[in-house]
Amino acid sequence: MDPIIVGFVSGAAAGVIMGLLSDILFRLKIFKSSLLVVDGAFFFRTLKLQGTARLIYAAGLFIHLITSGVFGALYILLSVLGFSATESVSLAAISIYVVLLWLSMLFVALPVAGEGLLGRKSGPLTWFEQLILHVIFLFVYYSCLRALLV
């Protein structure tokens, strides 16, 4: 399989698990927000449309699937361009990449989605919730890459 496709599939798989875990922990009232709701609500708000709860969840899952897949493919693309070796998937390199994704989530994506800097509108520990989710993303993404880039 083409490495870029492997990156996309691995990122999408990690993103779906990350999104579903976020939603489960939100429903259990452990987390203060759900990535799926944040993404879906932002989508409908941007289009100035009203979405039902199901449509918000569906849009959020789709958006999270696509963005995670794109970020997964981007890592492989950067690797191919010489920043890392795709043949030997490096946990250290992927960890640095995921830390950059986490920081961009806190300082770019959440503010753009209306959640404020570090996601403070959702709660004071959103940064930590996002850290946990990104660690999960890291290990699922890394595991998928290791399994598929053989």
N, C-alpha and C. Protein backbone atom coordinates (compact mmCIF):
# COMPACT_ATOMS: atom_id res chain seq x y z
N MET A 1 0.86 -1.18 0.00
CA MET A 1 0.00 0.00 0.00
C MET A 1 0.90 1.24 0.00
N ASP A 2 0.49 2.26 -0.69
CA ASP A 2 1.25 3.51 -0.76
C ASP A 2 1.41 4.11 0.65
N PRO A 3 2.61 4.56 1.01
CA PRO A 3 2.84 5.10 2.35
C PRO A 3 1.93 6.29 2.72
N ILE A 4 1.60 7.13 1.75
CA ILE A 4 0.71 8.27 2.03
C ILE A 4 -0.67 7.77 2.43
N ILE A 5 -1.15 6.75 1.73
CA ILE A 5 -2.45 6.16 2.07
C ILE A 5 -2.39 5.49 3.44
N VAL A 6 -1.28 4.81 3.72
CA VAL A 6 -1.10 4.20 5.04
C VAL A 6 -1.15 5.28 6.12
N GLY A 7 -0.49 6.42 5.86
CA GLY A 7 -0.52 7.53 6.82
C GLY A 7 -1.92 8.05 7.02
N PHE A 8 -2.67 8.20 5.91
CA PHE A 8 -4.04 8.70 6.01
C PHE A 8 -4.91 7.73 6.80
N VAL A 9 -4.84 6.44 6.46
CA VAL A 9 -5.65 5.43 7.14
C VAL A 9 -5.28 5.35 8.63
N SER A 10 -3.99 5.38 8.92
CA SER A 10 -3.53 5.33 10.31
C SER A 10 -3.99 6.55 11.09
N GLY A 11 -3.88 7.73 10.48
CA GLY A 11 -4.34 8.95 11.13
C GLY A 11 -5.84 8.95 11.34
N ALA A 12 -6.58 8.48 10.32
CA ALA A 12 -8.04 8.43 10.43
C ALA A 12 -8.46 7.47 11.54
N ALA A 13 -7.82 6.31 11.60
CA ALA A 13 -8.14 5.34 12.65
C ALA A 13 -7.86 5.93 14.03
N ALA A 14 -6.70 6.56 14.17
CA ALA A 14 -6.34 7.18 15.45
C ALA A 14 -7.30 8.31 15.79
N GLY A 15 -7.70 9.09 14.79
CA GLY A 15 -8.61 10.20 15.01
C GLY A 15 -10.00 9.75 15.42
N VAL A 16 -10.49 8.67 14.82
CA VAL A 16 -11.81 8.15 15.18
C VAL A 16 -11.78 7.66 16.63
N ILE A 17 -10.74 6.92 16.99
CA ILE A 17 -10.64 6.45 18.38
C ILE A 17 -10.53 7.63 19.33
N MET A 18 -9.72 8.61 18.97
CA MET A 18 -9.57 9.82 19.78
C MET A 18 -10.92 10.53 19.95
N GLY A 19 -11.65 10.70 18.84
CA GLY A 19 -12.94 11.38 18.88
C GLY A 19 -13.98 10.63 19.69
N LEU A 20 -14.05 9.31 19.48
CA LEU A 20 -15.03 8.51 20.23
C LEU A 20 -14.69 8.48 21.72
N LEU A 21 -13.41 8.36 22.05
CA LEU A 21 -13.00 8.39 23.46
C LEU A 21 -13.36 9.73 24.09
N SER A 22 -13.11 10.80 23.36
CA SER A 22 -13.47 12.14 23.84
C SER A 22 -14.97 12.22 24.14
N ASP A 23 -15.77 11.68 23.24
CA ASP A 23 -17.22 11.75 23.42
C ASP A 23 -17.69 10.87 24.57
N ILE A 24 -17.12 9.68 24.70
CA ILE A 24 -17.49 8.80 25.82
C ILE A 24 -17.14 9.46 27.15
N LEU A 25 -15.94 10.02 27.24
CA LEU A 25 -15.53 10.66 28.49
C LEU A 25 -16.35 11.92 28.77
N PHE A 26 -16.81 12.59 27.72
CA PHE A 26 -17.71 13.74 27.88
C PHE A 26 -19.06 13.28 28.42
N ARG A 27 -19.60 12.21 27.86
CA ARG A 27 -20.90 11.69 28.31
C ARG A 27 -20.84 11.17 29.74
N LEU A 28 -19.67 10.66 30.13
CA LEU A 28 -19.47 10.20 31.51
C LEU A 28 -19.16 11.35 32.46
N LYS A 29 -19.12 12.56 31.91
CA LYS A 29 -18.85 13.79 32.67
C LYS A 29 -17.43 13.82 33.26
N ILE A 30 -16.52 13.10 32.61
CA ILE A 30 -15.11 13.14 33.00
C ILE A 30 -14.42 14.28 32.24
N PHE A 31 -14.76 14.43 30.94
CA PHE A 31 -14.26 15.53 30.13
C PHE A 31 -15.35 16.59 30.04
N LYS A 32 -14.94 17.83 29.82
CA LYS A 32 -15.88 18.94 29.74
C LYS A 32 -16.39 19.19 28.32
N SER A 33 -15.78 18.53 27.32
CA SER A 33 -16.24 18.72 25.94
C SER A 33 -15.97 17.46 25.13
N SER A 34 -16.66 17.37 24.01
CA SER A 34 -16.48 16.27 23.06
C SER A 34 -15.93 16.86 21.77
N LEU A 35 -14.84 16.29 21.27
CA LEU A 35 -14.28 16.77 20.01
C LEU A 35 -15.30 16.68 18.88
N LEU A 36 -16.14 15.66 18.92
CA LEU A 36 -17.13 15.49 17.86
C LEU A 36 -18.15 16.62 17.89
N VAL A 37 -18.57 17.01 19.07
CA VAL A 37 -19.54 18.10 19.20
C VAL A 37 -18.88 19.43 18.83
N VAL A 38 -17.66 19.65 19.28
CA VAL A 38 -16.95 20.90 18.95
C VAL A 38 -16.80 21.02 17.43
N ASP A 39 -16.34 19.95 16.78
CA ASP A 39 -16.14 19.99 15.32
C ASP A 39 -17.46 20.15 14.58
N GLY A 40 -18.47 19.37 14.97
CA GLY A 40 -19.76 19.44 14.30
C GLY A 40 -20.46 20.77 14.50
N ALA A 41 -20.44 21.28 15.72
CA ALA A 41 -21.07 22.58 16.00
C ALA A 41 -20.37 23.69 15.23
N PHE A 42 -19.04 23.63 15.16
CA PHE A 42 -18.29 24.63 14.40
C PHE A 42 -18.68 24.59 12.92
N PHE A 43 -18.83 23.40 12.38
CA PHE A 43 -19.23 23.23 10.99
C PHE A 43 -20.57 23.91 10.72
N PHE A 44 -21.57 23.63 11.54
CA PHE A 44 -22.89 24.21 11.32
C PHE A 44 -22.90 25.71 11.60
N ARG A 45 -22.16 26.14 12.61
CA ARG A 45 -22.08 27.58 12.91
C ARG A 45 -21.43 28.33 11.75
N THR A 46 -20.39 27.75 11.16
CA THR A 46 -19.70 28.37 10.03
C THR A 46 -20.64 28.53 8.84
N LEU A 47 -21.46 27.52 8.60
CA LEU A 47 -22.42 27.58 7.49
C LEU A 47 -23.70 28.33 7.84
N LYS A 48 -23.77 28.82 9.08
CA LYS A 48 -24.95 29.53 9.57
C LYS A 48 -26.22 28.67 9.42
N LEU A 49 -26.07 27.40 9.79
CA LEU A 49 -27.17 26.45 9.74
C LEU A 49 -27.43 25.89 11.13
N GLN A 50 -28.63 25.41 11.32
CA GLN A 50 -29.00 24.75 12.57
C GLN A 50 -28.91 23.25 12.34
N GLY A 51 -28.17 22.56 13.17
CA GLY A 51 -28.06 21.12 13.02
C GLY A 51 -28.67 20.39 14.21
N THR A 52 -29.29 19.26 13.94
CA THR A 52 -29.80 18.44 15.04
C THR A 52 -28.60 17.80 15.74
N ALA A 53 -28.84 17.24 16.91
CA ALA A 53 -27.75 16.58 17.65
C ALA A 53 -27.10 15.49 16.81
N ARG A 54 -27.90 14.70 16.11
CA ARG A 54 -27.35 13.62 15.27
C ARG A 54 -26.51 14.17 14.13
N LEU A 55 -26.99 15.23 13.49
CA LEU A 55 -26.23 15.83 12.39
C LEU A 55 -24.92 16.43 12.89
N ILE A 56 -24.96 17.05 14.07
CA ILE A 56 -23.74 17.62 14.65
C ILE A 56 -22.73 16.51 14.92
N TYR A 57 -23.18 15.41 15.51
CA TYR A 57 -22.28 14.28 15.78
C TYR A 57 -21.74 13.69 14.48
N ALA A 58 -22.61 13.50 13.49
CA ALA A 58 -22.18 12.92 12.22
C ALA A 58 -21.16 13.82 11.53
N ALA A 59 -21.45 15.11 11.49
CA ALA A 59 -20.51 16.06 10.87
C ALA A 59 -19.20 16.08 11.64
N GLY A 60 -19.29 16.08 12.96
CA GLY A 60 -18.08 16.10 13.79
C GLY A 60 -17.22 14.87 13.58
N LEU A 61 -17.86 13.70 13.49
CA LEU A 61 -17.11 12.46 13.26
C LEU A 61 -16.44 12.49 11.89
N PHE A 62 -17.18 12.93 10.88
CA PHE A 62 -16.63 13.01 9.52
C PHE A 62 -15.47 14.00 9.47
N ILE A 63 -15.65 15.17 10.04
CA ILE A 63 -14.59 16.19 10.04
C ILE A 63 -13.36 15.67 10.77
N HIS A 64 -13.57 15.03 11.91
CA HIS A 64 -12.44 14.52 12.68
C HIS A 64 -11.73 13.39 11.93
N LEU A 65 -12.50 12.56 11.25
CA LEU A 65 -11.93 11.48 10.44
C LEU A 65 -11.04 12.05 9.34
N ILE A 66 -11.54 13.03 8.62
CA ILE A 66 -10.79 13.60 7.50
C ILE A 66 -9.57 14.37 7.99
N THR A 67 -9.74 15.24 8.99
CA THR A 67 -8.59 16.02 9.45
C THR A 67 -7.51 15.12 10.05
N SER A 68 -7.90 14.11 10.79
CA SER A 68 -6.92 13.19 11.36
C SER A 68 -6.20 12.42 10.26
N GLY A 69 -6.95 12.01 9.25
CA GLY A 69 -6.33 11.33 8.11
C GLY A 69 -5.34 12.21 7.38
N VAL A 70 -5.72 13.47 7.18
CA VAL A 70 -4.82 14.42 6.51
C VAL A 70 -3.55 14.62 7.34
N PHE A 71 -3.70 14.79 8.65
CA PHE A 71 -2.52 14.96 9.49
C PHE A 71 -1.67 13.69 9.52
N GLY A 72 -2.30 12.54 9.44
CA GLY A 72 -1.56 11.28 9.35
C GLY A 72 -0.77 11.19 8.06
N ALA A 73 -1.39 11.57 6.95
CA ALA A 73 -0.70 11.56 5.66
C ALA A 73 0.40 12.61 5.62
N LEU A 74 0.17 13.75 6.26
CA LEU A 74 1.18 14.82 6.28
C LEU A 74 2.47 14.37 6.95
N TYR A 75 2.35 13.60 8.02
CA TYR A 75 3.56 13.09 8.68
C TYR A 75 4.38 12.24 7.70
N ILE A 76 3.70 11.37 6.96
CA ILE A 76 4.39 10.52 5.99
C ILE A 76 5.02 11.37 4.89
N LEU A 77 4.29 12.37 4.42
CA LEU A 77 4.82 13.26 3.39
C LEU A 77 6.09 13.96 3.89
N LEU A 78 6.06 14.46 5.11
CA LEU A 78 7.25 15.09 5.68
C LEU A 78 8.39 14.08 5.81
N SER A 79 8.05 12.85 6.14
CA SER A 79 9.06 11.79 6.24
C SER A 79 9.71 11.53 4.89
N VAL A 80 8.88 11.45 3.86
CA VAL A 80 9.38 11.20 2.51
C VAL A 80 10.28 12.35 2.05
N LEU A 81 9.96 13.57 2.47
CA LEU A 81 10.76 14.73 2.09
C LEU A 81 12.09 14.80 2.83
N GLY A 82 12.32 13.84 3.72
CA GLY A 82 13.63 13.76 4.34
C GLY A 82 13.71 14.08 5.81
N PHE A 83 12.58 14.33 6.45
CA PHE A 83 12.62 14.66 7.87
C PHE A 83 12.69 13.41 8.76
N SER A 84 12.40 12.26 8.18
CA SER A 84 12.42 11.00 8.93
C SER A 84 12.41 9.87 7.91
N ALA A 85 12.59 8.67 8.36
CA ALA A 85 12.57 7.52 7.45
C ALA A 85 11.27 6.76 7.62
N THR A 86 10.52 6.60 6.53
CA THR A 86 9.25 5.88 6.64
C THR A 86 9.48 4.39 6.85
N GLU A 87 10.63 3.87 6.38
CA GLU A 87 10.88 2.44 6.53
C GLU A 87 10.98 2.06 8.01
N SER A 88 11.59 2.92 8.81
CA SER A 88 11.69 2.66 10.25
C SER A 88 10.90 3.75 10.97
N VAL A 89 9.67 3.46 11.27
CA VAL A 89 8.79 4.43 11.91
C VAL A 89 9.38 4.77 13.28
N SER A 90 9.67 6.03 13.47
CA SER A 90 10.33 6.49 14.69
C SER A 90 9.30 7.01 15.70
N LEU A 91 9.24 6.37 16.85
CA LEU A 91 8.33 6.83 17.90
C LEU A 91 8.71 8.24 18.35
N ALA A 92 10.00 8.52 18.41
CA ALA A 92 10.45 9.86 18.83
C ALA A 92 9.99 10.93 17.83
N ALA A 93 10.17 10.66 16.54
CA ALA A 93 9.77 11.64 15.52
C ALA A 93 8.25 11.84 15.52
N ILE A 94 7.51 10.74 15.62
CA ILE A 94 6.05 10.85 15.65
C ILE A 94 5.60 11.58 16.92
N SER A 95 6.28 11.35 18.02
CA SER A 95 5.95 12.03 19.28
C SER A 95 6.11 13.54 19.14
N ILE A 96 7.20 13.97 18.51
CA ILE A 96 7.41 15.40 18.29
C ILE A 96 6.30 15.95 17.40
N TYR A 97 5.97 15.22 16.36
CA TYR A 97 4.91 15.64 15.44
C TYR A 97 3.58 15.78 16.18
N VAL A 98 3.24 14.82 17.02
CA VAL A 98 1.96 14.85 17.75
C VAL A 98 1.97 15.98 18.79
N VAL A 99 3.10 16.27 19.40
CA VAL A 99 3.17 17.43 20.31
C VAL A 99 2.86 18.71 19.53
N LEU A 100 3.37 18.82 18.31
CA LEU A 100 3.06 19.98 17.48
C LEU A 100 1.57 20.02 17.12
N LEU A 101 0.98 18.86 16.86
CA LEU A 101 -0.47 18.81 16.61
C LEU A 101 -1.25 19.25 17.85
N TRP A 102 -0.82 18.79 19.02
CA TRP A 102 -1.48 19.16 20.28
C TRP A 102 -1.41 20.67 20.49
N LEU A 103 -0.23 21.24 20.29
CA LEU A 103 -0.07 22.69 20.47
C LEU A 103 -0.91 23.46 19.45
N SER A 104 -0.97 22.97 18.22
CA SER A 104 -1.79 23.67 17.22
C SER A 104 -3.27 23.55 17.56
N MET A 105 -3.66 22.45 18.19
CA MET A 105 -5.05 22.30 18.64
C MET A 105 -5.36 23.35 19.70
N LEU A 106 -4.46 23.53 20.66
CA LEU A 106 -4.69 24.46 21.76
C LEU A 106 -4.65 25.92 21.34
N PHE A 107 -3.73 26.25 20.43
CA PHE A 107 -3.51 27.65 20.10
C PHE A 107 -4.12 28.10 18.78
N VAL A 108 -4.59 27.15 17.96
CA VAL A 108 -5.20 27.52 16.68
C VAL A 108 -6.61 26.93 16.54
N ALA A 109 -6.71 25.60 16.55
CA ALA A 109 -7.99 24.95 16.23
C ALA A 109 -9.09 25.27 17.24
N LEU A 110 -8.80 25.13 18.53
CA LEU A 110 -9.85 25.41 19.53
C LEU A 110 -10.27 26.88 19.53
N PRO A 111 -9.34 27.84 19.46
CA PRO A 111 -9.79 29.24 19.36
C PRO A 111 -10.62 29.51 18.11
N VAL A 112 -10.21 28.96 16.96
CA VAL A 112 -10.97 29.16 15.73
C VAL A 112 -12.36 28.55 15.84
N ALA A 113 -12.47 27.42 16.54
CA ALA A 113 -13.76 26.74 16.71
C ALA A 113 -14.64 27.42 17.76
N GLY A 114 -14.14 28.50 18.37
CA GLY A 114 -14.94 29.24 19.34
C GLY A 114 -14.78 28.78 20.78
N GLU A 115 -13.79 27.92 21.03
CA GLU A 115 -13.58 27.39 22.38
C GLU A 115 -12.57 28.20 23.19
N GLY A 116 -12.00 29.23 22.58
CA GLY A 116 -11.04 30.07 23.28
C GLY A 116 -9.64 29.46 23.31
N LEU A 117 -8.68 30.28 23.72
CA LEU A 117 -7.29 29.84 23.83
C LEU A 117 -7.20 28.69 24.82
N LEU A 118 -6.54 27.63 24.44
CA LEU A 118 -6.40 26.41 25.24
C LEU A 118 -7.74 25.71 25.49
N GLY A 119 -8.79 26.14 24.78
CA GLY A 119 -10.11 25.55 24.97
C GLY A 119 -10.76 25.93 26.28
N ARG A 120 -10.38 27.08 26.83
CA ARG A 120 -10.84 27.49 28.17
C ARG A 120 -12.36 27.61 28.30
N LYS A 121 -13.05 27.88 27.19
CA LYS A 121 -14.52 27.98 27.29
C LYS A 121 -15.14 26.65 27.70
N SER A 122 -14.49 25.57 27.36
CA SER A 122 -14.99 24.25 27.75
C SER A 122 -14.64 23.92 29.19
N GLY A 123 -13.53 24.46 29.67
CA GLY A 123 -13.11 24.19 31.04
C GLY A 123 -11.63 24.46 31.22
N PRO A 124 -11.22 24.65 32.47
CA PRO A 124 -9.82 25.01 32.73
C PRO A 124 -8.82 23.87 32.46
N LEU A 125 -9.30 22.65 32.37
CA LEU A 125 -8.40 21.52 32.14
C LEU A 125 -8.49 20.95 30.72
N THR A 126 -9.07 21.72 29.81
CA THR A 126 -9.20 21.25 28.43
C THR A 126 -7.83 20.94 27.83
N TRP A 127 -6.83 21.73 28.17
CA TRP A 127 -5.48 21.48 27.66
C TRP A 127 -5.00 20.08 28.07
N PHE A 128 -5.35 19.67 29.30
CA PHE A 128 -4.94 18.35 29.79
C PHE A 128 -5.76 17.24 29.13
N GLU A 129 -7.05 17.49 28.94
CA GLU A 129 -7.89 16.53 28.23
C GLU A 129 -7.34 16.30 26.83
N GLN A 130 -6.96 17.40 26.17
CA GLN A 130 -6.40 17.30 24.83
C GLN A 130 -5.06 16.57 24.83
N LEU A 131 -4.28 16.76 25.87
CA LEU A 131 -3.01 16.04 25.98
C LEU A 131 -3.27 14.53 26.06
N ILE A 132 -4.21 14.13 26.89
CA ILE A 132 -4.56 12.71 27.01
C ILE A 132 -5.00 12.15 25.66
N LEU A 133 -5.87 12.89 24.98
CA LEU A 133 -6.38 12.43 23.68
C LEU A 133 -5.26 12.34 22.64
N HIS A 134 -4.34 13.29 22.67
CA HIS A 134 -3.24 13.26 21.71
C HIS A 134 -2.25 12.14 22.01
N VAL A 135 -2.08 11.79 23.27
CA VAL A 135 -1.25 10.62 23.61
C VAL A 135 -1.90 9.35 23.06
N ILE A 136 -3.22 9.25 23.19
CA ILE A 136 -3.95 8.11 22.62
C ILE A 136 -3.76 8.10 21.10
N PHE A 137 -3.92 9.27 20.48
CA PHE A 137 -3.72 9.39 19.03
C PHE A 137 -2.32 8.90 18.67
N LEU A 138 -1.32 9.34 19.41
CA LEU A 138 0.07 8.97 19.16
C LEU A 138 0.24 7.46 19.10
N PHE A 139 -0.24 6.77 20.12
CA PHE A 139 0.00 5.33 20.19
C PHE A 139 -0.82 4.54 19.18
N VAL A 140 -2.05 4.98 18.90
CA VAL A 140 -2.84 4.30 17.87
C VAL A 140 -2.22 4.55 16.49
N TYR A 141 -1.85 5.79 16.22
CA TYR A 141 -1.22 6.14 14.93
C TYR A 141 0.08 5.36 14.74
N TYR A 142 0.93 5.38 15.75
CA TYR A 142 2.21 4.68 15.70
C TYR A 142 2.00 3.18 15.47
N SER A 143 1.06 2.59 16.20
CA SER A 143 0.78 1.16 16.05
C SER A 143 0.27 0.82 14.66
N CYS A 144 -0.62 1.64 14.14
CA CYS A 144 -1.14 1.40 12.79
C CYS A 144 -0.02 1.52 11.75
N LEU A 145 0.82 2.55 11.88
CA LEU A 145 1.93 2.70 10.94
C LEU A 145 2.86 1.49 11.00
N ARG A 146 3.18 1.06 12.21
CA ARG A 146 4.09 -0.09 12.36
C ARG A 146 3.48 -1.34 11.72
N ALA A 147 2.18 -1.50 11.87
CA ALA A 147 1.51 -2.68 11.32
C ALA A 147 1.37 -2.62 9.80
N LEU A 148 1.13 -1.43 9.26
CA LEU A 148 0.82 -1.30 7.84
C LEU A 148 2.02 -0.99 6.95
N LEU A 149 3.06 -0.39 7.52
CA LEU A 149 4.25 -0.07 6.71
C LEU A 149 5.27 -1.20 6.78
N VAL A 150 4.83 -2.38 6.48
CA VAL A 150 5.72 -3.55 6.53
C VAL A 150 6.18 -3.90 5.14
